N, C-alpha and C. Protein backbone atom coordinates (compact mmCIF):
# COMPACT_ATOMS: atom_id res chain seq x y z
N UNK A 1 -8.48 -12.73 -14.84
CA UNK A 1 -9.60 -12.51 -13.51
C UNK A 1 -9.13 -13.06 -12.01
N UNK A 2 -8.67 -12.42 -10.72
CA UNK A 2 -8.37 -12.90 -10.15
C UNK A 2 -9.69 -13.78 -9.13
N UNK A 3 -9.98 -14.71 -8.14
CA UNK A 3 -10.43 -14.94 -7.67
C UNK A 3 -11.12 -14.37 -6.58
N UNK A 4 -12.12 -13.92 -6.36
CA UNK A 4 -13.34 -13.28 -5.06
C UNK A 4 -12.52 -13.75 -4.04
N UNK A 5 -12.32 -14.73 -3.63
CA UNK A 5 -12.29 -15.23 -2.09
C UNK A 5 -10.98 -15.01 -1.58
N UNK A 6 -9.62 -14.55 -2.71
CA UNK A 6 -8.33 -15.20 -2.65
C UNK A 6 -7.75 -13.87 -2.87
N UNK A 7 -6.81 -13.27 -2.22
CA UNK A 7 -5.92 -11.99 -2.87
C UNK A 7 -4.75 -12.66 -3.30
N UNK A 8 -4.12 -11.92 -3.93
CA UNK A 8 -1.92 -12.20 -4.59
C UNK A 8 -1.85 -11.40 -3.32
N UNK A 9 -1.28 -11.43 -2.97
CA UNK A 9 -0.20 -10.53 -1.40
C UNK A 9 1.13 -10.63 -2.32
N UNK A 10 2.07 -10.18 -1.73
CA UNK A 10 3.26 -9.78 -1.91
C UNK A 10 4.01 -9.81 -0.81
N UNK A 11 3.32 -9.06 0.24
CA UNK A 11 4.06 -8.69 1.42
C UNK A 11 2.67 -8.57 2.44
N UNK A 12 3.45 -8.59 3.82
CA UNK A 12 2.47 -7.93 4.76
C UNK A 12 3.30 -7.80 5.97
N UNK A 13 2.42 -6.44 6.65
CA UNK A 13 3.94 -5.88 7.98
C UNK A 13 2.20 -5.90 8.60
N UNK A 14 2.36 -6.47 9.84
CA UNK A 14 1.37 -6.53 10.61
C UNK A 14 1.20 -5.45 11.64
N UNK A 15 2.57 -4.37 11.41
CA UNK A 15 2.24 -3.37 12.57
C UNK A 15 3.12 -2.68 12.19
N UNK A 16 2.81 -0.92 11.81
CA UNK A 16 3.95 0.18 11.33
C UNK A 16 2.91 1.15 11.28
N UNK A 17 3.81 2.15 11.55
CA UNK A 17 2.97 3.38 11.42
C UNK A 17 3.68 4.58 10.05
N UNK A 18 4.59 3.95 9.25
CA UNK A 18 4.83 4.48 8.30
C UNK A 18 4.30 4.65 6.97
N UNK A 19 2.64 4.14 6.93
CA UNK A 19 2.45 4.32 5.87
C UNK A 19 0.53 4.51 6.25
N UNK A 20 1.04 5.67 7.05
CA UNK A 20 -0.45 6.06 7.44
C UNK A 20 -0.62 6.39 9.15
N UNK A 21 -1.72 7.37 9.43
CA UNK A 21 -1.39 7.67 10.77
C UNK A 21 -1.88 6.54 12.25
N UNK A 22 -1.13 6.34 12.57
CA UNK A 22 -1.70 5.52 14.45
C UNK A 22 -0.81 4.02 13.64
N UNK A 23 -1.00 3.21 14.21
CA UNK A 23 -0.55 1.71 14.11
C UNK A 23 -1.11 0.99 12.84
N UNK A 24 -0.52 0.28 11.81
CA UNK A 24 -1.27 0.45 10.95
C UNK A 24 -0.99 -1.23 10.31
N UNK A 25 -1.78 -2.26 9.74
CA UNK A 25 -1.88 -3.67 9.24
C UNK A 25 -1.57 -3.14 7.64
N UNK A 26 -0.19 -4.04 6.73
CA UNK A 26 -0.39 -3.26 5.35
C UNK A 26 -0.19 -3.48 4.86
N UNK A 27 -0.59 -4.00 3.67
CA UNK A 27 -1.05 -5.40 2.56
C UNK A 27 -0.48 -4.68 1.46
N UNK A 28 0.68 -5.49 0.81
CA UNK A 28 1.18 -5.08 -0.48
C UNK A 28 0.26 -5.72 -1.51
N UNK A 29 -0.20 -5.86 -2.13
CA UNK A 29 -1.12 -6.72 -2.96
C UNK A 29 -0.12 -6.80 -4.07
N UNK A 30 -0.36 -7.77 -5.09
CA UNK A 30 0.75 -8.77 -5.91
C UNK A 30 0.15 -7.93 -7.32
N UNK A 31 0.68 -7.92 -8.13
CA UNK A 31 -0.24 -7.39 -9.54
C UNK A 31 -0.43 -6.09 -9.98
N UNK A 32 0.23 -5.24 -11.27
CA UNK A 32 0.41 -4.03 -11.61
C UNK A 32 -0.16 -4.48 -12.96
N UNK A 33 -0.38 -3.46 -13.73
CA UNK A 33 -1.23 -2.61 -14.89
C UNK A 33 -0.08 -1.30 -15.20
N UNK A 34 0.49 -1.20 -14.66
CA UNK A 34 1.38 0.27 -15.08
C UNK A 34 2.64 -0.36 -14.74
N UNK A 35 3.89 0.62 -15.86
CA UNK A 35 4.80 0.45 -15.75
C UNK A 35 5.88 1.46 -15.71
N UNK A 36 5.99 2.38 -14.23
CA UNK A 36 6.11 3.44 -14.13
C UNK A 36 7.78 3.72 -13.61
N UNK A 37 8.03 4.46 -14.95
CA UNK A 37 9.77 4.84 -14.67
C UNK A 37 10.08 4.80 -13.54
N UNK A 38 11.48 4.01 -12.70
CA UNK A 38 11.98 4.31 -11.34
C UNK A 38 11.15 3.96 -10.11
N UNK A 39 9.86 2.94 -10.44
CA UNK A 39 9.33 2.30 -9.63
C UNK A 39 9.81 1.13 -8.63
N UNK A 40 10.06 1.55 -7.24
CA UNK A 40 10.84 1.05 -5.96
C UNK A 40 10.01 -0.32 -5.90
N UNK A 41 8.58 -0.51 -6.27
CA UNK A 41 8.23 -1.93 -6.02
C UNK A 41 7.97 -3.07 -7.08
N UNK A 42 8.88 -3.44 -7.96
CA UNK A 42 8.91 -3.85 -9.41
C UNK A 42 8.16 -5.20 -8.97
N UNK A 43 8.69 -5.87 -7.50
CA UNK A 43 8.65 -6.86 -7.22
C UNK A 43 7.35 -7.71 -7.19
N UNK A 44 6.27 -6.72 -6.94
CA UNK A 44 5.12 -6.21 -6.18
C UNK A 44 4.50 -7.02 -7.75
N UNK A 45 5.34 -6.39 -9.13
CA UNK A 45 4.36 -7.25 -10.45
C UNK A 45 4.73 -8.17 -11.24
N UNK A 46 6.07 -8.63 -10.58
CA UNK A 46 7.27 -9.44 -11.16
C UNK A 46 7.75 -10.52 -10.77
N UNK A 47 7.74 -10.74 -8.72
CA UNK A 47 8.05 -11.68 -7.79
C UNK A 47 7.33 -11.83 -7.44
N UNK A 48 7.61 -12.79 -6.62
CA UNK A 48 6.47 -13.56 -6.12
C UNK A 48 5.16 -13.85 -5.14
N UNK A 49 4.64 -14.13 -4.82
CA UNK A 49 3.72 -13.66 -4.39
C UNK A 49 3.08 -15.05 -3.55
N UNK A 50 1.79 -14.79 -2.26
CA UNK A 50 0.99 -15.78 -1.78
C UNK A 50 -0.54 -15.72 -1.94
N UNK A 51 -1.03 -16.35 -2.32
CA UNK A 51 -2.46 -16.75 -2.56
C UNK A 51 -3.24 -16.64 -1.19
N UNK A 52 -3.79 -16.03 -0.28
CA UNK A 52 -4.22 -15.56 0.90
C UNK A 52 -5.60 -15.68 0.76
N UNK A 53 -6.29 -16.55 1.60
CA UNK A 53 -8.20 -16.66 1.31
C UNK A 53 -8.59 -15.53 2.22
N UNK A 54 -9.42 -14.71 2.10
CA UNK A 54 -9.80 -13.09 2.25
C UNK A 54 -10.18 -13.39 3.97
N UNK A 55 -10.97 -14.48 4.45
CA UNK A 55 -11.61 -14.75 5.56
C UNK A 55 -10.76 -14.79 6.46
N UNK A 56 -9.36 -15.91 6.01
CA UNK A 56 -8.33 -15.73 6.77
C UNK A 56 -7.83 -14.63 7.49
N UNK A 57 -7.68 -13.87 6.36
CA UNK A 57 -6.65 -12.31 6.38
C UNK A 57 -7.56 -11.52 7.15
N UNK A 58 -8.83 -11.64 6.75
CA UNK A 58 -9.77 -10.10 7.73
C UNK A 58 -9.66 -10.89 9.23
N UNK A 59 -9.50 -12.56 9.60
CA UNK A 59 -9.62 -12.75 11.00
C UNK A 59 -8.30 -12.24 11.69
N UNK A 60 -7.66 -12.37 10.94
CA UNK A 60 -5.69 -12.36 11.66
C UNK A 60 -6.24 -10.40 11.85
N UNK A 61 -6.73 -9.18 10.70
CA UNK A 61 -6.46 -7.91 11.17
C UNK A 61 -7.78 -7.68 12.41
N UNK A 62 -8.39 -8.80 12.46
CA UNK A 62 -9.52 -7.98 13.56
C UNK A 62 -9.24 -8.61 14.59
N UNK A 63 -8.64 -9.52 14.92
CA UNK A 63 -7.53 -9.97 16.00
C UNK A 63 -6.35 -9.11 16.40
N UNK A 64 -6.29 -7.73 15.42
CA UNK A 64 -4.73 -7.36 15.56
C UNK A 64 -5.06 -5.71 16.46
N UNK A 65 -4.04 -5.23 16.76
CA UNK A 65 -4.40 -3.89 17.42
C UNK A 65 -4.50 -2.80 16.92
N UNK A 66 -4.03 -3.13 15.62
CA UNK A 66 -4.22 -1.98 14.57
C UNK A 66 -5.11 -1.10 14.50
N UNK A 67 -5.08 0.46 14.37
CA UNK A 67 -6.14 1.38 14.48
C UNK A 67 -6.41 0.88 12.78
N UNK A 68 -6.05 0.62 12.03
CA UNK A 68 -6.33 0.48 10.39
C UNK A 68 -5.48 -0.54 9.61
N UNK A 69 -5.78 -0.18 8.26
CA UNK A 69 -5.19 -0.70 7.28
C UNK A 69 -4.76 0.48 6.14
N UNK A 70 -3.60 -0.01 5.49
CA UNK A 70 -3.06 0.60 4.39
C UNK A 70 -2.98 -0.51 3.41
N UNK A 71 -3.28 -0.71 2.14
CA UNK A 71 -3.48 -0.95 1.08
C UNK A 71 -2.58 -0.90 -0.45
N UNK A 72 -1.64 -0.81 -0.26
CA UNK A 72 -0.35 -0.58 -1.46
C UNK A 72 -0.08 -1.70 -2.69
N UNK A 73 0.64 -1.70 -3.19
CA UNK A 73 0.81 -2.25 -4.55
C UNK A 73 2.02 -2.57 -5.07
N UNK A 74 2.46 -2.63 -5.84
CA UNK A 74 1.23 -3.20 -7.24
C UNK A 74 0.31 -2.52 -7.01
N UNK A 75 -0.82 -2.84 -7.72
CA UNK A 75 -2.16 -2.20 -7.76
C UNK A 75 -3.81 -2.55 -7.23
N UNK A 76 -3.88 -2.53 -6.17
CA UNK A 76 -4.78 -2.78 -5.23
C UNK A 76 -6.31 -2.93 -5.85
N UNK A 77 -6.52 -1.85 -7.20
CA UNK A 77 -7.74 -2.31 -7.35
C UNK A 77 -7.95 -2.93 -8.56
N UNK A 78 -7.20 -3.78 -9.07
CA UNK A 78 -7.14 -5.09 -9.63
C UNK A 78 -7.50 -5.75 -9.06
N UNK A 79 -7.59 -6.04 -8.25
CA UNK A 79 -8.22 -6.86 -6.86
C UNK A 79 -9.61 -6.34 -5.98
N UNK A 80 -10.05 -5.48 -6.67
CA UNK A 80 -10.98 -4.51 -5.85
C UNK A 80 -12.02 -5.36 -5.32
N UNK A 81 -12.96 -6.59 -6.08
CA UNK A 81 -13.92 -7.10 -5.80
C UNK A 81 -13.57 -7.94 -4.01
N UNK A 82 -12.39 -9.01 -3.97
CA UNK A 82 -11.47 -9.38 -3.31
C UNK A 82 -11.33 -8.47 -2.07
N UNK A 83 -10.74 -7.40 -2.26
CA UNK A 83 -10.19 -6.73 -0.75
C UNK A 83 -11.65 -6.09 -0.51
N UNK A 84 -13.10 -5.91 -1.25
CA UNK A 84 -13.68 -5.57 -1.38
C UNK A 84 -14.61 -6.05 -0.05
N UNK A 85 -14.69 -7.41 -0.07
CA UNK A 85 -14.99 -8.38 0.67
C UNK A 85 -14.52 -8.58 1.97
N UNK A 86 -13.21 -8.60 1.67
CA UNK A 86 -12.32 -8.55 3.13
C UNK A 86 -12.31 -7.31 4.11
N UNK A 87 -12.24 -6.09 3.10
CA UNK A 87 -12.88 -5.21 3.97
C UNK A 87 -13.91 -5.01 5.14
N UNK A 88 -15.01 -5.22 4.14
CA UNK A 88 -16.30 -5.53 4.57
C UNK A 88 -16.31 -6.47 6.19
N UNK A 89 -15.54 -7.81 6.12
CA UNK A 89 -15.66 -8.89 6.76
C UNK A 89 -15.24 -8.24 8.23
N UNK A 90 -13.59 -7.68 7.63
CA UNK A 90 -13.00 -6.83 9.17
C UNK A 90 -13.74 -5.55 9.96
N UNK A 91 -14.78 -5.07 9.11
CA UNK A 91 -15.31 -4.09 9.74
C UNK A 91 -16.94 -4.40 10.38
N UNK A 92 -17.04 -5.84 10.06
CA UNK A 92 -18.06 -6.21 10.45
C UNK A 92 -17.69 -6.98 12.10
N UNK A 93 -16.74 -6.64 12.46
CA UNK A 93 -16.25 -7.45 13.88
C UNK A 93 -15.39 -5.83 14.27
N UNK A 94 -14.97 -4.89 13.47
CA UNK A 94 -14.14 -4.11 14.29
C UNK A 94 -13.92 -2.75 13.51
N UNK A 95 -14.19 -1.77 14.32
CA UNK A 95 -14.40 -0.21 13.65
C UNK A 95 -12.62 -0.09 12.83
N UNK A 96 -12.14 0.13 11.70
CA UNK A 96 -11.08 0.04 11.03
C UNK A 96 -11.27 1.25 10.14
N UNK A 97 -10.27 1.83 9.88
CA UNK A 97 -9.79 2.83 8.91
C UNK A 97 -8.63 2.12 7.59
N UNK A 98 -9.45 2.31 6.73
CA UNK A 98 -9.00 1.65 5.65
C UNK A 98 -7.91 3.46 4.37
N UNK A 99 -6.56 3.11 3.84
CA UNK A 99 -6.32 3.56 3.12
C UNK A 99 -5.49 3.00 2.34
N UNK A 100 -5.32 3.97 0.86
CA UNK A 100 -5.46 3.11 -0.22
C UNK A 100 -4.61 3.82 -0.94
N UNK A 101 -3.40 2.81 -1.30
CA UNK A 101 -2.58 3.77 -2.76
C UNK A 101 -3.16 3.12 -3.85
N UNK A 102 -3.12 4.38 -5.00
CA UNK A 102 -3.76 3.32 -6.30
C UNK A 102 -2.81 4.14 -7.48
N UNK A 103 -2.43 3.68 -8.72
CA UNK A 103 -2.04 4.21 -9.90
C UNK A 103 -3.36 4.90 -10.35
N UNK A 104 -4.10 4.36 -10.49
CA UNK A 104 -5.01 5.02 -11.09
C UNK A 104 -5.96 5.65 -10.35
N UNK A 105 -6.23 6.96 -11.03
CA UNK A 105 -6.95 8.59 -10.00
C UNK A 105 -8.44 8.15 -9.86
N UNK A 106 -8.94 9.20 -8.75
CA UNK A 106 -10.22 8.95 -8.71
C UNK A 106 -10.91 8.75 -9.16
N UNK A 107 -10.76 9.84 -10.75
CA UNK A 107 -12.07 9.99 -11.76
C UNK A 107 -11.85 8.86 -12.80
N UNK A 108 -10.68 7.90 -12.46
CA UNK A 108 -10.89 6.84 -13.34
C UNK A 108 -11.48 5.53 -12.25
N UNK A 109 -11.31 5.41 -11.19
CA UNK A 109 -11.96 4.64 -10.34
C UNK A 109 -13.63 5.16 -10.01
N UNK A 110 -13.88 5.78 -10.20
CA UNK A 110 -15.24 6.11 -10.21
C UNK A 110 -15.91 6.12 -11.29
N UNK A 111 -15.25 5.49 -12.54
CA UNK A 111 -16.10 4.92 -14.38
C UNK A 111 -16.51 3.96 -14.07
N UNK A 112 -15.52 2.42 -12.76
CA UNK A 112 -15.83 1.59 -12.90
C UNK A 112 -16.46 0.98 -11.75
N UNK A 113 -17.81 0.25 -11.84
CA UNK A 113 -18.42 -0.03 -10.56
C UNK A 113 -17.93 -0.83 -9.86
N UNK A 114 -17.21 -1.59 -9.98
CA UNK A 114 -16.09 -2.43 -9.15
C UNK A 114 -15.20 -2.08 -8.18
N UNK A 115 -14.52 -0.98 -9.19
CA UNK A 115 -13.56 -0.13 -8.37
C UNK A 115 -14.52 1.14 -7.61
N UNK A 116 -15.49 1.61 -7.91
CA UNK A 116 -15.72 2.55 -6.98
C UNK A 116 -17.10 1.41 -5.35
N UNK A 117 -16.90 0.59 -5.66
CA UNK A 117 -17.86 -0.01 -4.64
C UNK A 117 -16.55 -0.40 -3.62
N UNK A 118 -15.42 -0.60 -3.90
CA UNK A 118 -14.15 -0.57 -3.12
C UNK A 118 -14.03 1.03 -2.45
N UNK A 119 -13.96 2.22 -3.62
CA UNK A 119 -13.90 3.35 -3.17
C UNK A 119 -14.75 3.86 -1.67
N UNK A 120 -15.89 3.24 -1.82
CA UNK A 120 -16.74 3.55 -1.23
C UNK A 120 -16.28 3.18 0.55
N UNK A 121 -15.84 2.16 0.56
CA UNK A 121 -15.43 1.50 2.06
C UNK A 121 -13.89 2.38 2.15
N UNK A 122 -13.01 3.24 1.60
CA UNK A 122 -11.69 3.40 1.46
C UNK A 122 -11.72 5.05 2.42
N UNK A 123 -10.89 5.18 2.73
CA UNK A 123 -11.24 6.65 4.07
C UNK A 123 -10.05 8.07 3.38
N UNK A 124 -9.40 6.89 3.34
CA UNK A 124 -8.21 7.84 2.24
C UNK A 124 -7.80 7.19 0.84
N UNK A 125 -7.39 7.85 0.06
CA UNK A 125 -7.00 7.12 -0.98
C UNK A 125 -6.20 8.15 -1.96
N UNK A 126 -4.44 7.83 -1.93
CA UNK A 126 -3.85 8.37 -2.36
C UNK A 126 -3.64 7.98 -3.80
N UNK A 127 -3.85 8.98 -4.76
CA UNK A 127 -4.23 8.42 -6.39
C UNK A 127 -2.70 8.34 -7.29
N UNK A 128 -2.53 8.11 -8.58
CA UNK A 128 -1.78 8.84 -9.67
C UNK A 128 -0.62 7.69 -9.65
N UNK A 129 -0.14 7.44 -10.55
CA UNK A 129 0.71 6.95 -11.60
C UNK A 129 1.97 7.80 -10.32
N UNK A 130 3.24 6.88 -10.33
CA UNK A 130 4.78 7.45 -9.77
C UNK A 130 5.11 7.90 -11.53
N UNK A 131 5.38 9.05 -11.17
CA UNK A 131 6.04 9.94 -12.29
C UNK A 131 7.26 10.65 -11.47
N UNK A 132 8.84 9.92 -12.42
CA UNK A 132 9.69 9.57 -11.61
C UNK A 132 10.52 11.61 -11.65
N UNK A 133 10.23 12.26 -12.64
CA UNK A 133 10.55 13.55 -13.49
C UNK A 133 9.81 14.62 -11.97
N UNK A 134 8.95 14.09 -11.04
CA UNK A 134 8.20 14.89 -10.45
C UNK A 134 8.23 13.97 -9.09
N UNK A 135 9.32 13.46 -8.73
CA UNK A 135 9.90 12.89 -7.60
C UNK A 135 10.20 14.19 -6.51
N UNK A 136 9.55 14.53 -5.97
CA UNK A 136 9.80 16.34 -5.07
C UNK A 136 10.30 16.04 -4.00
N UNK A 137 10.48 14.55 -3.40
CA UNK A 137 10.68 14.57 -2.01
C UNK A 137 9.64 14.11 -0.86
N UNK A 138 8.50 14.67 -1.01
CA UNK A 138 7.40 15.13 -0.51
C UNK A 138 7.01 13.76 0.51
N UNK A 139 6.68 13.99 1.45
CA UNK A 139 6.69 12.64 2.87
C UNK A 139 5.44 12.03 2.04
N UNK A 140 5.36 10.58 2.01
CA UNK A 140 4.29 10.04 1.91
C UNK A 140 4.04 9.31 0.61
N UNK A 141 3.97 10.70 -0.67
CA UNK A 141 3.97 10.16 -2.15
C UNK A 141 4.88 9.90 -2.66
N UNK A 142 5.15 9.37 -4.05
CA UNK A 142 6.27 9.28 -4.80
C UNK A 142 6.41 10.04 -5.39
N UNK A 143 5.26 11.00 -5.85
CA UNK A 143 5.67 12.15 -7.08
C UNK A 143 4.41 13.32 -6.70
N UNK A 144 4.58 14.82 -7.16
CA UNK A 144 3.77 15.40 -6.75
C UNK A 144 2.57 15.60 -7.58
N UNK A 145 2.67 14.95 -8.96
CA UNK A 145 0.89 14.49 -9.07
C UNK A 145 -0.08 14.02 -8.46
N UNK A 146 0.51 12.78 -7.26
CA UNK A 146 -0.31 12.13 -6.23
C UNK A 146 -0.55 13.08 -5.51
N UNK A 147 -2.36 12.46 -5.31
CA UNK A 147 -3.17 13.76 -4.71
C UNK A 147 -3.55 12.75 -3.42
N UNK A 148 -3.70 13.11 -2.12
CA UNK A 148 -4.17 12.51 -0.94
C UNK A 148 -5.83 12.98 -1.04
N UNK A 149 -6.81 12.27 -0.77
CA UNK A 149 -7.89 12.28 -1.19
C UNK A 149 -8.48 12.12 0.33
N UNK A 150 -9.31 13.08 1.20
CA UNK A 150 -9.70 12.26 2.69
C UNK A 150 -11.13 12.05 2.10
N UNK A 151 -11.75 10.75 2.49
CA UNK A 151 -12.90 10.18 1.29
C UNK A 151 -14.07 10.32 2.52
N UNK A 152 -13.65 9.76 3.69
CA UNK A 152 -14.87 10.81 4.97
C UNK A 152 -13.68 11.17 6.03
N UNK A 153 -14.18 11.76 7.14
CA UNK A 153 -14.02 12.76 8.36
C UNK A 153 -13.01 11.59 8.63
N UNK A 154 -13.06 10.68 8.91
CA UNK A 154 -11.97 9.56 9.97
C UNK A 154 -10.37 10.41 10.01
N UNK A 155 -9.90 10.42 9.36
CA UNK A 155 -8.31 10.85 9.48
C UNK A 155 -7.94 12.36 8.86
N UNK A 156 -9.35 13.33 8.36
CA UNK A 156 -9.13 14.49 8.02
C UNK A 156 -7.82 15.65 9.13
N UNK A 157 -8.30 15.22 10.15
CA UNK A 157 -7.73 16.40 10.92
C UNK A 157 -6.25 16.00 11.23
N UNK A 158 -6.25 14.52 11.71
CA UNK A 158 -4.69 13.58 12.23
C UNK A 158 -3.97 13.61 10.65
N UNK A 159 -4.58 13.13 9.66
CA UNK A 159 -3.49 12.94 8.23
C UNK A 159 -3.18 14.67 8.08
N UNK A 160 -4.01 15.76 8.11
CA UNK A 160 -3.54 17.04 7.39
C UNK A 160 -1.60 17.10 8.42
N UNK A 161 -2.25 16.62 9.80
CA UNK A 161 -0.33 16.66 10.20
C UNK A 161 0.34 15.76 9.47
N UNK A 162 -0.38 14.55 9.89
CA UNK A 162 0.70 13.38 9.19
C UNK A 162 1.43 13.46 8.09
N UNK A 163 0.35 13.84 6.84
CA UNK A 163 0.87 14.14 5.62
C UNK A 163 1.52 15.38 5.25
N UNK A 164 1.72 16.14 5.87
CA UNK A 164 2.09 17.49 5.58
C UNK A 164 3.76 17.21 6.38
N UNK A 165 4.33 16.55 7.01
CA UNK A 165 5.69 16.55 7.21
C UNK A 165 6.67 16.56 6.08
N UNK A 166 7.85 16.86 6.54
CA UNK A 166 8.15 17.40 4.94
C UNK A 166 9.53 16.75 4.85
N UNK A 167 9.76 15.94 5.93
CA UNK A 167 10.79 14.83 5.87
C UNK A 167 10.07 13.28 5.28
N UNK A 168 10.64 12.55 4.81
CA UNK A 168 10.41 11.46 4.53
C UNK A 168 10.64 10.00 5.04
N UNK A 169 9.98 9.09 5.93
CA UNK A 169 10.37 8.24 6.63
C UNK A 169 10.13 6.90 6.29
N UNK A 170 11.42 6.23 6.87
CA UNK A 170 10.92 4.36 6.25
C UNK A 170 11.86 3.50 6.32
N UNK A 171 11.91 2.54 6.82
CA UNK A 171 12.96 1.90 7.31
C UNK A 171 12.80 0.90 6.92
N UNK A 172 14.30 -0.42 6.37
CA UNK A 172 14.25 -1.09 5.67
C UNK A 172 14.13 -2.68 6.73
N UNK A 173 13.54 -3.48 6.84
CA UNK A 173 13.26 -4.85 7.08
C UNK A 173 13.85 -6.21 6.36
N UNK A 174 14.66 -6.95 7.51
CA UNK A 174 16.09 -8.07 6.56
C UNK A 174 14.96 -9.14 6.92
N UNK A 175 14.66 -9.94 5.93
CA UNK A 175 14.48 -11.37 6.67
C UNK A 175 15.43 -12.14 5.77
N UNK A 176 15.29 -13.61 5.80
CA UNK A 176 16.30 -14.59 5.17
C UNK A 176 16.25 -15.00 3.77
N UNK A 177 15.05 -14.29 3.48
CA UNK A 177 14.74 -14.18 1.58
C UNK A 177 14.89 -12.68 1.11
N UNK A 178 14.31 -11.99 2.30
CA UNK A 178 13.78 -10.25 1.81
C UNK A 178 14.30 -9.41 2.67
N UNK A 179 14.75 -8.16 1.19
CA UNK A 179 14.97 -6.54 1.79
C UNK A 179 13.40 -6.09 1.76
N UNK A 180 13.18 -5.78 2.91
CA UNK A 180 11.58 -4.89 2.59
C UNK A 180 11.77 -3.49 2.54
N UNK A 181 11.41 -2.90 2.00
CA UNK A 181 11.00 -1.54 1.95
C UNK A 181 10.05 -0.89 2.28
N UNK A 182 9.70 -0.49 3.85
CA UNK A 182 8.34 0.11 4.10
C UNK A 182 8.71 1.54 4.40
N UNK A 183 7.22 2.21 3.40
CA UNK A 183 7.23 3.58 3.67
C UNK A 183 7.63 4.27 2.45
N UNK A 184 7.82 5.37 2.43
CA UNK A 184 8.51 6.06 0.79
C UNK A 184 10.04 6.97 1.59
N UNK A 185 11.06 6.06 0.88
CA UNK A 185 12.19 6.33 1.03
C UNK A 185 12.94 7.94 0.97
N UNK A 186 13.57 8.52 1.85
CA UNK A 186 15.08 9.62 1.60
C UNK A 186 16.14 8.74 0.24
N UNK A 187 16.42 10.18 -0.22
CA UNK A 187 17.54 9.47 -0.92
C UNK A 187 18.63 8.62 -0.36
N UNK A 188 18.98 8.80 1.04
CA UNK A 188 20.30 8.10 1.76
C UNK A 188 19.20 6.95 2.00
N UNK A 189 18.18 6.84 2.52
CA UNK A 189 17.41 5.39 3.04
C UNK A 189 17.40 4.43 1.56
N UNK A 190 17.05 5.17 0.70
CA UNK A 190 17.17 4.50 -0.53
C UNK A 190 18.36 3.92 -0.79
N UNK A 191 19.61 4.70 -1.05
CA UNK A 191 20.84 4.50 -1.46
C UNK A 191 21.45 3.14 -0.25
N UNK A 192 20.55 3.22 0.97
CA UNK A 192 20.89 2.06 2.05
C UNK A 192 20.14 1.12 1.32
N UNK A 193 19.17 0.88 1.13
CA UNK A 193 18.69 -0.44 0.42
C UNK A 193 19.22 -0.89 -0.69
N UNK A 194 19.60 -0.18 -1.43
CA UNK A 194 20.43 -0.61 -2.77
C UNK A 194 21.61 -1.44 -2.50
N UNK A 195 22.51 -0.56 -1.50
CA UNK A 195 23.65 -1.40 -1.10
C UNK A 195 23.48 -2.49 -0.68
N UNK A 196 22.81 -2.63 0.49
CA UNK A 196 22.29 -3.92 1.32
C UNK A 196 21.87 -4.72 -0.20
N UNK A 197 21.02 -4.75 -1.28
CA UNK A 197 20.81 -6.05 -2.02
C UNK A 197 21.61 -5.90 -3.03
N UNK A 198 23.24 -5.25 -3.23
CA UNK A 198 24.18 -5.23 -4.01
C UNK A 198 25.33 -6.02 -3.28
N UNK A 199 25.32 -5.75 -2.35
CA UNK A 199 26.52 -6.74 -1.18
C UNK A 199 25.98 -8.42 -1.20
N UNK A 200 24.30 -8.69 -0.83
CA UNK A 200 23.41 -9.66 -0.81
C UNK A 200 23.92 -10.48 -1.71
N UNK A 201 23.36 -10.09 -3.07
CA UNK A 201 23.56 -10.55 -4.72
C UNK A 201 22.22 -10.74 -5.13
N UNK A 202 21.49 -9.93 -3.98
CA UNK A 202 20.28 -9.88 -4.61
C UNK A 202 19.00 -10.45 -3.98
N UNK A 203 18.40 -10.20 -3.13
CA UNK A 203 17.74 -11.76 -2.46
C UNK A 203 16.48 -11.41 -3.43
N UNK A 204 16.19 -12.81 -3.87
CA UNK A 204 14.97 -13.17 -4.90
C UNK A 204 13.43 -11.99 -4.53
N UNK A 205 13.68 -11.99 -3.49
CA UNK A 205 12.30 -11.10 -2.74
C UNK A 205 12.22 -9.54 -2.85
N UNK A 206 13.53 -9.01 -2.89
CA UNK A 206 13.27 -7.95 -2.70
C UNK A 206 12.23 -6.95 -3.18
N UNK A 207 11.67 -6.01 -2.77
CA UNK A 207 11.24 -4.78 -2.76
C UNK A 207 11.32 -3.28 -1.93
């Protein structure tokens, strides 16, 4: 059971437009209960992580210029209570949108009170496990079974245009210890990312 005032986080990107409309603050949570073949984010399950106080993180987000938060993983709903507190703390100070990627389906989320409480704070949920055989190259989702749910009207109009793009967009960010893949990659970007890792001998925190 995770601490309710602490988030286990694999990586934070404070400004990007690759995981949702507008400028976003992206959090990759650490820990996952799924074993999806071909997952590109295995280190968010088995790699290193930081334990971050939710109130300190909320302060950083509230002070940022980002329009919204995107939470991916790992599996965000494994830390539903801490995420809920963090998001509500930010919203008390700033009007901010929330997008979450989850391996759970929306029906599974609604079955749990803890998870459904977090669901109530989310504007867009992209749900469903990654299924390698159903990876059809669609932008912003990993496989065709995953569904984009507009839970509020905040992103409905802009989202329909944003998520209908045909080409996947992603970038590779290099740090001294990481090769971070941001976004859902095309085959070319994925190959470049894999080549970087292979030539470097594998950075311990790649994901």
